[in-house]
Amino acid sequence: MENIVILEFPSNLGLREPIPGQEPGVRKLPTWLRRHGFHQLIDPAEVVSLEAPPYRMERDEESKVLNADALIQYAKEQASVLTRVLSEGNFALILGGDCSILLGAALALKSRGNYALFYLDGHTDFMGPELSETGGLGGMAAAVAAGVGHEKLVNINGQRPYIQEKYVWCVGNREYDAEYERSIIDAEAKYVSLTMLRKEGISRCVNSFLEMVERENLDGFWLHIDVDVLDDELMPAVDSRTPGGLGYDEFNQLVTMLLSSPKAAGVEITILDPDLDNSGKYTKEFVRHFTHTFLEARKNLRQGSA
């Protein structure tokens, strides 16, 4: 059974300022989760922290992406750390950070083989910089992982694509806008909006994904979680709020099914902003649900391999 290693990658470089002169508070997430008992409940074999570059609002002229050079450098550092953790046979639990931390994970996975991505998010994050109003990589993360975007970001070290587009599943979007959704609809990636997920059913969706991983003989898959996939009433402490979203029963079912699979290489949690949850009310509920669900999935995996 793999050891669990928590990796703290507290980067906010993929987001714009919430207000002029103020950096996004998601940088504080690992410390905030520790304060609310997350680390104690998970009880990892190791905790590794990688300091992120200082926040800037610098839009790269070449790629039109905010903080592109710093993001690339940090992604390389993340990939080095994650590659070491995975090569030692551990399960990686990454705490962001915004969604741009996927870039480092995708680089590491590419160096290890052929992986799929289950991108669980209230948005698709599947577009190029030409469609982005903010230039924030957080809103393009799934696309960049699949090789869609500016060459500077999608082809680091000549590794494009980090994850083949047909193996990227974007699940949970509820930003229903024809122009916004067009990029993912026209892509090879699998698109399952929140409406589609509920119509199809969670079990069928996850089983289809896991069957694809097995059928294609992939080395494994990565689970990305943006907490804004949760219902806005359950998790309003995010940068881009949208009404509706998954209830905890739905979320827990998804995560349990995915992380009970021996093909799961790791999971990352992003976007929860401590500055938007001063009392810790929403964080406490998230910690309670996620840690229970995560440990239940690990128990299922142990029993399945016994």
C-alpha atoms as a PDB file:
ATOM      1  CA  MET A   1       0.000   0.000   0.000  1.00  0.00           C
ATOM      2  CA  GLU A   2       1.378   3.401  -0.981  1.00  0.00           C
ATOM      3  CA  ASN A   3       2.300   5.984   1.622  1.00  0.00           C
ATOM      4  CA  ILE A   4       0.461   9.300   1.400  1.00  0.00           C
ATOM      5  CA  VAL A   5       2.638  12.363   0.893  1.00  0.00           C
ATOM      6  CA  ILE A   6       1.142  15.849   1.186  1.00  0.00           C
ATOM      7  CA  LEU A   7       2.729  18.346  -1.184  1.00  0.00           C
ATOM      8  CA  GLU A   8       2.108  22.021  -0.492  1.00  0.00           C
ATOM      9  CA  PHE A   9       2.276  24.119  -3.675  1.00  0.00           C
ATOM     10  CA  PRO A  10       0.769  27.462  -2.574  1.00  0.00           C
ATOM     11  CA  SER A  11       0.924  29.377  -5.846  1.00  0.00           C
ATOM     12  CA  ASN A  12      -1.532  32.128  -6.728  1.00  0.00           C
ATOM     13  CA  LEU A  13       0.267  33.109  -9.927  1.00  0.00           C
ATOM     14  CA  GLY A  14      -2.559  31.851 -12.137  1.00  0.00           C
ATOM     15  CA  LEU A  15      -5.131  34.362 -10.878  1.00  0.00           C
ATOM     16  CA  ARG A  16      -5.678  38.081 -11.310  1.00  0.00           C
ATOM     17  CA  GLU A  17      -5.862  40.427  -8.323  1.00  0.00           C
ATOM     18  CA  PRO A  18      -9.305  40.320  -6.655  1.00  0.00           C
ATOM     19  CA  ILE A  19      -8.960  44.075  -6.154  1.00  0.00           C
ATOM     20  CA  PRO A  20      -6.097  46.335  -7.273  1.00  0.00           C
ATOM     21  CA  GLY A  21      -3.066  45.950  -5.032  1.00  0.00           C
ATOM     22  CA  GLN A  22      -4.291  42.786  -3.271  1.00  0.00           C
ATOM     23  CA  GLU A  23      -3.017  39.337  -4.176  1.00  0.00           C
ATOM     24  CA  PRO A  24      -5.317  36.275  -4.175  1.00  0.00           C
ATOM     25  CA  GLY A  25      -5.491  34.658  -0.737  1.00  0.00           C
ATOM     26  CA  VAL A  26      -5.418  31.078  -2.043  1.00  0.00           C
ATOM     27  CA  ARG A  27      -1.671  31.202  -1.402  1.00  0.00           C
ATOM     28  CA  LYS A  28      -2.520  30.637   2.278  1.00  0.00           C
ATOM     29  CA  LEU A  29      -4.491  27.426   1.681  1.00  0.00           C
ATOM     30  CA  PRO A  30      -2.016  24.763   2.931  1.00  0.00           C
ATOM     31  CA  THR A  31      -1.459  26.595   6.228  1.00  0.00           C
ATOM     32  CA  TRP A  32      -5.202  27.213   6.548  1.00  0.00           C
ATOM     33  CA  LEU A  33      -6.041  23.538   6.019  1.00  0.00           C
ATOM     34  CA  ARG A  34      -3.387  22.481   8.530  1.00  0.00           C
ATOM     35  CA  ARG A  35      -4.913  24.862  11.059  1.00  0.00           C
ATOM     36  CA  HIS A  36      -8.277  23.154  10.554  1.00  0.00           C
ATOM     37  CA  GLY A  37      -6.938  19.660  11.162  1.00  0.00           C
ATOM     38  CA  PHE A  38      -6.493  18.479   7.569  1.00  0.00           C
ATOM     39  CA  HIS A  39      -2.939  17.215   7.951  1.00  0.00           C
ATOM     40  CA  GLN A  40      -3.623  15.587  11.299  1.00  0.00           C
ATOM     41  CA  LEU A  41      -6.608  13.682   9.898  1.00  0.00           C
ATOM     42  CA  ILE A  42      -4.781  12.540   6.749  1.00  0.00           C
ATOM     43  CA  ASP A  43      -1.677  11.600   8.789  1.00  0.00           C
ATOM     44  CA  PRO A  44       0.751  11.572   5.840  1.00  0.00           C
ATOM     45  CA  ALA A  45       4.108   9.838   5.818  1.00  0.00           C
ATOM     46  CA  GLU A  46       5.687  13.105   4.718  1.00  0.00           C
ATOM     47  CA  VAL A  47       4.805  16.748   4.091  1.00  0.00           C
ATOM     48  CA  VAL A  48       6.781  18.629   1.448  1.00  0.00           C
ATOM     49  CA  SER A  49       6.395  22.389   0.972  1.00  0.00           C
ATOM     50  CA  LEU A  50       7.610  24.250  -2.094  1.00  0.00           C
ATOM     51  CA  GLU A  51       7.565  28.013  -1.772  1.00  0.00           C
ATOM     52  CA  ALA A  52       5.927  29.727  -4.725  1.00  0.00           C
ATOM     53  CA  PRO A  53       7.385  32.787  -6.481  1.00  0.00           C
ATOM     54  CA  PRO A  54       6.083  36.150  -5.265  1.00  0.00           C
ATOM     55  CA  TYR A  55       2.812  37.301  -6.792  1.00  0.00           C
ATOM     56  CA  ARG A  56       2.843  39.654  -9.740  1.00  0.00           C
ATOM     57  CA  MET A  57       0.317  41.033 -12.208  1.00  0.00           C
ATOM     58  CA  GLU A  58       2.674  40.794 -15.167  1.00  0.00           C
ATOM     59  CA  ARG A  59       1.032  39.790 -18.434  1.00  0.00           C
ATOM     60  CA  ASP A  60       3.634  38.143 -20.630  1.00  0.00           C
ATOM     61  CA  GLU A  61       3.819  39.890 -24.011  1.00  0.00           C
ATOM     62  CA  GLU A  62       4.665  36.706 -25.894  1.00  0.00           C
ATOM     63  CA  SER A  63       2.007  34.343 -24.519  1.00  0.00           C
ATOM     64  CA  LYS A  64      -0.497  36.914 -23.162  1.00  0.00           C
ATOM     65  CA  VAL A  65      -0.587  34.875 -19.932  1.00  0.00           C
ATOM     66  CA  LEU A  66      -0.140  36.392 -16.470  1.00  0.00           C
ATOM     67  CA  ASN A  67       3.193  35.594 -14.832  1.00  0.00           C
ATOM     68  CA  ALA A  68       4.100  33.082 -17.544  1.00  0.00           C
ATOM     69  CA  ASP A  69       7.841  32.905 -16.835  1.00  0.00           C
ATOM     70  CA  ALA A  70       7.370  32.477 -13.086  1.00  0.00           C
ATOM     71  CA  LEU A  71       4.687  29.839 -13.687  1.00  0.00           C
ATOM     72  CA  ILE A  72       6.979  27.843 -15.964  1.00  0.00           C
ATOM     73  CA  GLN A  73       9.862  27.949 -13.501  1.00  0.00           C
ATOM     74  CA  TYR A  74       7.613  26.921 -10.608  1.00  0.00           C
ATOM     75  CA  ALA A  75       6.073  24.124 -12.681  1.00  0.00           C
ATOM     76  CA  LYS A  76       9.532  22.688 -13.316  1.00  0.00           C
ATOM     77  CA  GLU A  77      10.288  22.786  -9.588  1.00  0.00           C
ATOM     78  CA  GLN A  78       6.948  21.156  -8.765  1.00  0.00           C
ATOM     79  CA  ALA A  79       7.529  18.462 -11.359  1.00  0.00           C
ATOM     80  CA  SER A  80      10.912  17.626  -9.865  1.00  0.00           C
ATOM     81  CA  VAL A  81       9.434  17.219  -6.378  1.00  0.00           C
ATOM     82  CA  LEU A  82       6.394  15.266  -7.567  1.00  0.00           C
ATOM     83  CA  THR A  83       8.463  12.964  -9.761  1.00  0.00           C
ATOM     84  CA  ARG A  84      10.573  12.022  -6.750  1.00  0.00           C
ATOM     85  CA  VAL A  85       7.497  11.358  -4.612  1.00  0.00           C
ATOM     86  CA  LEU A  86       5.788   9.206  -7.245  1.00  0.00           C
ATOM     87  CA  SER A  87       8.951   7.305  -8.164  1.00  0.00           C
ATOM     88  CA  GLU A  88       9.222   6.204  -4.534  1.00  0.00           C
ATOM     89  CA  GLY A  89       5.799   4.571  -4.835  1.00  0.00           C
ATOM     90  CA  ASN A  90       3.862   7.173  -2.856  1.00  0.00           C
ATOM     91  CA  PHE A  91       0.394   8.605  -3.394  1.00  0.00           C
ATOM     92  CA  ALA A  92       0.509  12.382  -3.904  1.00  0.00           C
ATOM     93  CA  LEU A  93      -1.990  14.707  -2.223  1.00  0.00           C
ATOM     94  CA  ILE A  94      -1.290  18.230  -3.432  1.00  0.00           C
ATOM     95  CA  LEU A  95      -2.613  21.368  -1.778  1.00  0.00           C
ATOM     96  CA  GLY A  96      -2.625  24.522  -3.900  1.00  0.00           C
ATOM     97  CA  GLY A  97      -2.755  27.081  -4.838  1.00  0.00           C
ATOM     98  CA  ASP A  98      -4.861  27.923  -7.813  1.00  0.00           C
ATOM     99  CA  CYS A  99      -5.536  25.646 -10.792  1.00  0.00           C
ATOM    100  CA  SER A 100      -2.279  26.602 -12.504  1.00  0.00           C
ATOM    101  CA  ILE A 101      -0.465  24.130 -10.228  1.00  0.00           C
ATOM    102  CA  LEU A 102      -1.732  21.447 -12.609  1.00  0.00           C
ATOM    103  CA  LEU A 103       1.084  22.458 -14.959  1.00  0.00           C
ATOM    104  CA  GLY A 104       3.717  21.003 -12.619  1.00  0.00           C
ATOM    105  CA  ALA A 105       1.752  17.809 -12.061  1.00  0.00           C
ATOM    106  CA  ALA A 106       1.198  17.357 -15.791  1.00  0.00           C
ATOM    107  CA  LEU A 107       4.922  17.754 -16.479  1.00  0.00           C
ATOM    108  CA  ALA A 108       5.750  15.128 -13.857  1.00  0.00           C
ATOM    109  CA  LEU A 109       3.170  12.691 -15.193  1.00  0.00           C
ATOM    110  CA  LYS A 110       4.461  13.053 -18.756  1.00  0.00           C
ATOM    111  CA  SER A 111       7.940  12.094 -17.570  1.00  0.00           C
ATOM    112  CA  ARG A 112       6.522   8.904 -16.055  1.00  0.00           C
ATOM    113  CA  GLY A 113       4.298   7.655 -18.857  1.00  0.00           C
ATOM    114  CA  ASN A 114       0.835   8.054 -20.321  1.00  0.00           C
ATOM    115  CA  TYR A 115      -1.830   9.365 -17.942  1.00  0.00           C
ATOM    116  CA  ALA A 116      -5.428  10.566 -17.996  1.00  0.00           C
ATOM    117  CA  LEU A 117      -6.816  13.620 -16.224  1.00  0.00           C
ATOM    118  CA  PHE A 118     -10.159  13.849 -14.416  1.00  0.00           C
ATOM    119  CA  TYR A 119     -10.670  17.597 -14.117  1.00  0.00           C
ATOM    120  CA  LEU A 120     -13.406  18.196 -11.535  1.00  0.00           C
ATOM    121  CA  ASP A 121     -14.230  21.877 -11.658  1.00  0.00           C
ATOM    122  CA  GLY A 122     -17.146  24.285 -11.796  1.00  0.00           C
ATOM    123  CA  HIS A 123     -15.597  25.625 -15.015  1.00  0.00           C
ATOM    124  CA  THR A 124     -14.019  23.835 -17.963  1.00  0.00           C
ATOM    125  CA  ASP A 125     -10.739  25.813 -17.795  1.00  0.00           C
ATOM    126  CA  PHE A 126     -10.359  24.719 -21.407  1.00  0.00           C
ATOM    127  CA  MET A 127      -9.498  27.753 -23.502  1.00  0.00           C
ATOM    128  CA  GLY A 128      -6.518  29.582 -24.921  1.00  0.00           C
ATOM    129  CA  PRO A 129      -5.215  33.012 -23.880  1.00  0.00           C
ATOM    130  CA  GLU A 130      -6.994  34.646 -26.829  1.00  0.00           C
ATOM    131  CA  LEU A 131     -10.341  33.945 -25.129  1.00  0.00           C
ATOM    132  CA  SER A 132      -9.240  34.863 -21.611  1.00  0.00           C
ATOM    133  CA  GLU A 133     -10.215  38.273 -20.289  1.00  0.00           C
ATOM    134  CA  THR A 134      -7.803  37.991 -17.351  1.00  0.00           C
ATOM    135  CA  GLY A 135      -4.847  36.120 -18.836  1.00  0.00           C
ATOM    136  CA  GLY A 136      -4.805  33.928 -15.742  1.00  0.00           C
ATOM    137  CA  LEU A 137      -3.496  30.410 -16.348  1.00  0.00           C
ATOM    138  CA  GLY A 138      -5.919  29.114 -13.726  1.00  0.00           C
ATOM    139  CA  GLY A 139      -8.702  29.501 -16.281  1.00  0.00           C
ATOM    140  CA  MET A 140      -6.730  27.674 -18.989  1.00  0.00           C
ATOM    141  CA  ALA A 141      -5.173  24.878 -16.949  1.00  0.00           C
ATOM    142  CA  ALA A 142      -6.964  21.885 -18.477  1.00  0.00           C
ATOM    143  CA  ALA A 143      -6.311  23.151 -22.001  1.00  0.00           C
ATOM    144  CA  VAL A 144      -2.607  23.715 -21.363  1.00  0.00           C
ATOM    145  CA  ALA A 145      -2.259  20.234 -19.858  1.00  0.00           C
ATOM    146  CA  ALA A 146      -3.730  18.874 -23.102  1.00  0.00           C
ATOM    147  CA  GLY A 147      -1.394  20.890 -25.322  1.00  0.00           C
ATOM    148  CA  VAL A 148      -3.878  23.620 -26.248  1.00  0.00           C
ATOM    149  CA  GLY A 149      -2.496  27.133 -25.853  1.00  0.00           C
ATOM    150  CA  HIS A 150       0.669  29.105 -26.417  1.00  0.00           C
ATOM    151  CA  GLU A 151       3.777  27.097 -27.272  1.00  0.00           C
ATOM    152  CA  LYS A 152       5.680  28.633 -24.376  1.00  0.00           C
ATOM    153  CA  LEU A 153       3.396  26.961 -21.834  1.00  0.00           C
ATOM    154  CA  VAL A 154       2.215  23.827 -23.597  1.00  0.00           C
ATOM    155  CA  ASN A 155       5.627  22.603 -24.738  1.00  0.00           C
ATOM    156  CA  ILE A 156       7.962  22.995 -21.760  1.00  0.00           C
ATOM    157  CA  ASN A 157      11.104  20.915 -22.327  1.00  0.00           C
ATOM    158  CA  GLY A 158       9.589  19.740 -25.634  1.00  0.00           C
ATOM    159  CA  GLN A 159       7.037  17.601 -23.773  1.00  0.00           C
ATOM    160  CA  ARG A 160       3.793  18.615 -25.557  1.00  0.00           C
ATOM    161  CA  PRO A 161       1.215  17.320 -24.853  1.00  0.00           C
ATOM    162  CA  TYR A 162       1.661  16.550 -21.183  1.00  0.00           C
ATOM    163  CA  ILE A 163      -1.613  14.617 -21.280  1.00  0.00           C
ATOM    164  CA  GLN A 164      -3.202  13.532 -24.555  1.00  0.00           C
ATOM    165  CA  GLU A 165      -6.327  15.563 -25.239  1.00  0.00           C
ATOM    166  CA  LYS A 166      -8.514  12.483 -25.647  1.00  0.00           C
ATOM    167  CA  TYR A 167      -7.598  11.420 -22.100  1.00  0.00           C
ATOM    168  CA  VAL A 168      -8.713  14.700 -20.495  1.00  0.00           C
ATOM    169  CA  TRP A 169     -12.180  14.656 -18.913  1.00  0.00           C
ATOM    170  CA  CYS A 170     -13.596  18.024 -17.820  1.00  0.00           C
ATOM    171  CA  VAL A 171     -16.429  17.314 -15.399  1.00  0.00           C
ATOM    172  CA  GLY A 172     -18.767  19.588 -13.450  1.00  0.00           C
ATOM    173  CA  ASN A 173     -18.881  22.835 -15.438  1.00  0.00           C
ATOM    174  CA  ARG A 174     -21.934  24.978 -14.797  1.00  0.00           C
ATOM    175  CA  GLU A 175     -20.808  28.092 -16.657  1.00  0.00           C
ATOM    176  CA  TYR A 176     -23.334  27.627 -19.437  1.00  0.00           C
ATOM    177  CA  ASP A 177     -22.244  30.015 -22.159  1.00  0.00           C
ATOM    178  CA  ALA A 178     -22.094  28.970 -25.808  1.00  0.00           C
ATOM    179  CA  GLU A 179     -18.855  30.799 -26.587  1.00  0.00           C
ATOM    180  CA  TYR A 180     -17.164  29.624 -23.386  1.00  0.00           C
ATOM    181  CA  GLU A 181     -18.190  25.999 -23.907  1.00  0.00           C
ATOM    182  CA  ARG A 182     -17.307  25.961 -27.606  1.00  0.00           C
ATOM    183  CA  SER A 183     -13.604  25.299 -26.960  1.00  0.00           C
ATOM    184  CA  ILE A 184     -14.265  22.122 -24.993  1.00  0.00           C
ATOM    185  CA  ILE A 185     -17.126  20.947 -27.220  1.00  0.00           C
ATOM    186  CA  ASP A 186     -14.889  21.238 -30.294  1.00  0.00           C
ATOM    187  CA  ALA A 187     -11.975  19.497 -28.564  1.00  0.00           C
ATOM    188  CA  GLU A 188     -11.093  15.814 -28.367  1.00  0.00           C
ATOM    189  CA  ALA A 189     -11.379  16.085 -24.594  1.00  0.00           C
ATOM    190  CA  LYS A 190     -14.463  14.596 -22.940  1.00  0.00           C
ATOM    191  CA  TYR A 191     -16.894  17.216 -21.648  1.00  0.00           C
ATOM    192  CA  VAL A 192     -19.408  16.374 -18.932  1.00  0.00           C
ATOM    193  CA  SER A 193     -21.231  19.450 -17.659  1.00  0.00           C
ATOM    194  CA  LEU A 194     -22.995  19.406 -14.298  1.00  0.00           C
ATOM    195  CA  THR A 195     -26.332  18.947 -16.070  1.00  0.00           C
ATOM    196  CA  MET A 196     -24.936  16.071 -18.130  1.00  0.00           C
ATOM    197  CA  LEU A 197     -23.340  14.485 -15.063  1.00  0.00           C
ATOM    198  CA  ARG A 198     -26.635  14.427 -13.203  1.00  0.00           C
ATOM    199  CA  LYS A 199     -28.482  13.110 -16.228  1.00  0.00           C
ATOM    200  CA  GLU A 200     -25.941  10.355 -16.877  1.00  0.00           C
ATOM    201  CA  GLY A 201     -25.353   9.553 -13.220  1.00  0.00           C
ATOM    202  CA  ILE A 202     -22.128   9.733 -11.243  1.00  0.00           C
ATOM    203  CA  SER A 203     -21.477   5.988 -11.196  1.00  0.00           C
ATOM    204  CA  ARG A 204     -21.829   5.675 -14.945  1.00  0.00           C
ATOM    205  CA  CYS A 205     -19.594   8.679 -15.586  1.00  0.00           C
ATOM    206  CA  VAL A 206     -16.792   7.528 -13.290  1.00  0.00           C
ATOM    207  CA  ASN A 207     -17.003   3.931 -14.465  1.00  0.00           C
ATOM    208  CA  SER A 208     -16.754   5.095 -18.090  1.00  0.00           C
ATOM    209  CA  PHE A 209     -13.640   7.076 -17.229  1.00  0.00           C
ATOM    210  CA  LEU A 210     -12.020   4.195 -15.340  1.00  0.00           C
ATOM    211  CA  GLU A 211     -12.886   1.788 -18.150  1.00  0.00           C
ATOM    212  CA  MET A 212     -11.188   4.146 -20.601  1.00  0.00           C
ATOM    213  CA  VAL A 213      -8.046   4.198 -18.438  1.00  0.00           C
ATOM    214  CA  GLU A 214      -7.972   0.390 -18.441  1.00  0.00           C
ATOM    215  CA  ARG A 215      -8.922  -0.024 -22.100  1.00  0.00           C
ATOM    216  CA  GLU A 216      -6.194   2.355 -23.253  1.00  0.00           C
ATOM    217  CA  ASN A 217      -3.695   0.654 -20.938  1.00  0.00           C
ATOM    218  CA  LEU A 218      -2.746   3.979 -19.356  1.00  0.00           C
ATOM    219  CA  ASP A 219      -0.221   4.186 -16.549  1.00  0.00           C
ATOM    220  CA  GLY A 220      -2.787   5.888 -14.342  1.00  0.00           C
ATOM    221  CA  PHE A 221      -4.739   9.093 -13.890  1.00  0.00           C
ATOM    222  CA  TRP A 222      -4.663  12.348 -11.984  1.00  0.00           C
ATOM    223  CA  LEU A 223      -7.594  13.927 -10.145  1.00  0.00           C
ATOM    224  CA  HIS A 224      -7.825  17.707 -10.132  1.00  0.00           C
ATOM    225  CA  ILE A 225     -10.331  19.255  -7.717  1.00  0.00           C
ATOM    226  CA  ASP A 226     -11.305  22.902  -7.837  1.00  0.00           C
ATOM    227  CA  VAL A 227     -13.531  23.412  -4.806  1.00  0.00           C
ATOM    228  CA  ASP A 228     -15.766  25.716  -6.860  1.00  0.00           C
ATOM    229  CA  VAL A 229     -17.287  22.516  -8.275  1.00  0.00           C
ATOM    230  CA  LEU A 230     -19.227  22.442  -4.998  1.00  0.00           C
ATOM    231  CA  ASP A 231     -22.537  24.241  -4.617  1.00  0.00           C
ATOM    232  CA  ASP A 232     -21.947  27.943  -4.083  1.00  0.00           C
ATOM    233  CA  GLU A 233     -23.895  27.802  -0.828  1.00  0.00           C
ATOM    234  CA  LEU A 234     -21.509  25.131   0.473  1.00  0.00           C
ATOM    235  CA  MET A 235     -18.310  26.716  -0.829  1.00  0.00           C
ATOM    236  CA  PRO A 236     -18.506  30.445  -1.592  1.00  0.00           C
ATOM    237  CA  ALA A 237     -14.817  31.000  -0.674  1.00  0.00           C
ATOM    238  CA  VAL A 238     -13.657  30.943  -4.299  1.00  0.00           C
ATOM    239  CA  ASP A 239     -12.553  33.538  -6.835  1.00  0.00           C
ATOM    240  CA  SER A 240     -15.184  32.864  -9.504  1.00  0.00           C
ATOM    241  CA  ARG A 241     -18.575  32.187  -7.962  1.00  0.00           C
ATOM    242  CA  THR A 242     -21.444  30.635  -9.909  1.00  0.00           C
ATOM    243  CA  PRO A 243     -24.852  29.594  -8.511  1.00  0.00           C
ATOM    244  CA  GLY A 244     -25.497  25.883  -8.040  1.00  0.00           C
ATOM    245  CA  GLY A 245     -22.953  23.079  -7.987  1.00  0.00           C
ATOM    246  CA  LEU A 246     -22.414  19.649  -6.503  1.00  0.00           C
ATOM    247  CA  GLY A 247     -23.771  18.729  -3.112  1.00  0.00           C
ATOM    248  CA  TYR A 248     -21.419  16.962  -0.735  1.00  0.00           C
ATOM    249  CA  ASP A 249     -23.165  13.630  -1.294  1.00  0.00           C
ATOM    250  CA  GLU A 250     -22.413  13.888  -5.018  1.00  0.00           C
ATOM    251  CA  PHE A 251     -18.881  15.150  -4.452  1.00  0.00           C
ATOM    252  CA  ASN A 252     -18.098  12.409  -1.953  1.00  0.00           C
ATOM    253  CA  GLN A 253     -19.379   9.724  -4.306  1.00  0.00           C
ATOM    254  CA  LEU A 254     -17.210  11.008  -7.151  1.00  0.00           C
ATOM    255  CA  VAL A 255     -14.057  11.263  -5.064  1.00  0.00           C
ATOM    256  CA  THR A 256     -14.580   7.907  -3.358  1.00  0.00           C
ATOM    257  CA  MET A 257     -15.065   6.079  -6.642  1.00  0.00           C
ATOM    258  CA  LEU A 258     -12.072   7.721  -8.299  1.00  0.00           C
ATOM    259  CA  LEU A 259      -9.624   7.387  -5.432  1.00  0.00           C
ATOM    260  CA  SER A 260     -10.618   3.784  -4.724  1.00  0.00           C
ATOM    261  CA  SER A 261      -8.995   2.927  -8.050  1.00  0.00           C
ATOM    262  CA  PRO A 262      -5.420   1.602  -8.001  1.00  0.00           C
ATOM    263  CA  LYS A 263      -4.848   3.668 -11.147  1.00  0.00           C
ATOM    264  CA  ALA A 264      -5.135   6.953  -9.205  1.00  0.00           C
ATOM    265  CA  ALA A 265      -1.644   8.471  -8.969  1.00  0.00           C
ATOM    266  CA  GLY A 266      -2.638  11.527  -6.980  1.00  0.00           C
ATOM    267  CA  VAL A 267      -5.062  14.354  -6.353  1.00  0.00           C
ATOM    268  CA  GLU A 268      -4.775  18.117  -6.065  1.00  0.00           C
ATOM    269  CA  ILE A 269      -7.053  20.551  -4.223  1.00  0.00           C
ATOM    270  CA  THR A 270      -7.252  24.126  -5.452  1.00  0.00           C
ATOM    271  CA  ILE A 271      -8.927  27.544  -5.168  1.00  0.00           C
ATOM    272  CA  LEU A 272     -10.284  27.605  -1.584  1.00  0.00           C
ATOM    273  CA  ASP A 273      -9.361  31.131  -0.462  1.00  0.00           C
ATOM    274  CA  PRO A 274      -8.932  31.602   3.312  1.00  0.00           C
ATOM    275  CA  ASP A 275      -9.460  35.358   2.915  1.00  0.00           C
ATOM    276  CA  LEU A 276     -13.025  34.585   1.808  1.00  0.00           C
ATOM    277  CA  ASP A 277     -13.791  32.311   4.777  1.00  0.00           C
ATOM    278  CA  ASN A 278     -12.649  34.282   7.799  1.00  0.00           C
ATOM    279  CA  SER A 279     -14.586  32.180  10.312  1.00  0.00           C
ATOM    280  CA  GLY A 280     -13.483  28.899   8.751  1.00  0.00           C
ATOM    281  CA  LYS A 281     -17.115  27.785   8.482  1.00  0.00           C
ATOM    282  CA  TYR A 282     -16.867  26.480   4.924  1.00  0.00           C
ATOM    283  CA  THR A 283     -13.347  25.147   5.320  1.00  0.00           C
ATOM    284  CA  LYS A 284     -14.290  23.047   8.346  1.00  0.00           C
ATOM    285  CA  GLU A 285     -17.065  21.340   6.400  1.00  0.00           C
ATOM    286  CA  PHE A 286     -14.798  20.743   3.437  1.00  0.00           C
ATOM    287  CA  VAL A 287     -12.072  19.250   5.631  1.00  0.00           C
ATOM    288  CA  ARG A 288     -14.600  17.005   7.355  1.00  0.00           C
ATOM    289  CA  HIS A 289     -16.043  15.700   4.096  1.00  0.00           C
ATOM    290  CA  PHE A 290     -12.859  15.405   2.073  1.00  0.00           C
ATOM    291  CA  THR A 291     -10.714  13.720   4.712  1.00  0.00           C
ATOM    292  CA  HIS A 292     -13.418  11.174   5.525  1.00  0.00           C
ATOM    293  CA  THR A 293     -14.004  10.467   1.838  1.00  0.00           C
ATOM    294  CA  PHE A 294     -10.291  10.279   1.046  1.00  0.00           C
ATOM    295  CA  LEU A 295      -9.551   7.871   3.887  1.00  0.00           C
ATOM    296  CA  GLU A 296     -12.586   5.759   2.996  1.00  0.00           C
ATOM    297  CA  ALA A 297     -11.296   5.459  -0.563  1.00  0.00           C
ATOM    298  CA  ARG A 298      -7.842   4.461   0.662  1.00  0.00           C
ATOM    299  CA  LYS A 299      -9.448   1.818   2.869  1.00  0.00           C
ATOM    300  CA  ASN A 300     -11.386   0.487  -0.116  1.00  0.00           C
ATOM    301  CA  LEU A 301      -8.126   0.273  -2.036  1.00  0.00           C
ATOM    302  CA  ARG A 302      -6.381  -1.622   0.759  1.00  0.00           C
ATOM    303  CA  GLN A 303      -9.236  -4.095   1.003  1.00  0.00           C
ATOM    304  CA  GLY A 304      -9.288  -4.539  -2.761  1.00  0.00           C
ATOM    305  CA  SER A 305      -5.592  -5.380  -2.874  1.00  0.00           C
ATOM    306  CA  ALA A 306      -5.626  -7.638   0.185  1.00  0.00           C
END
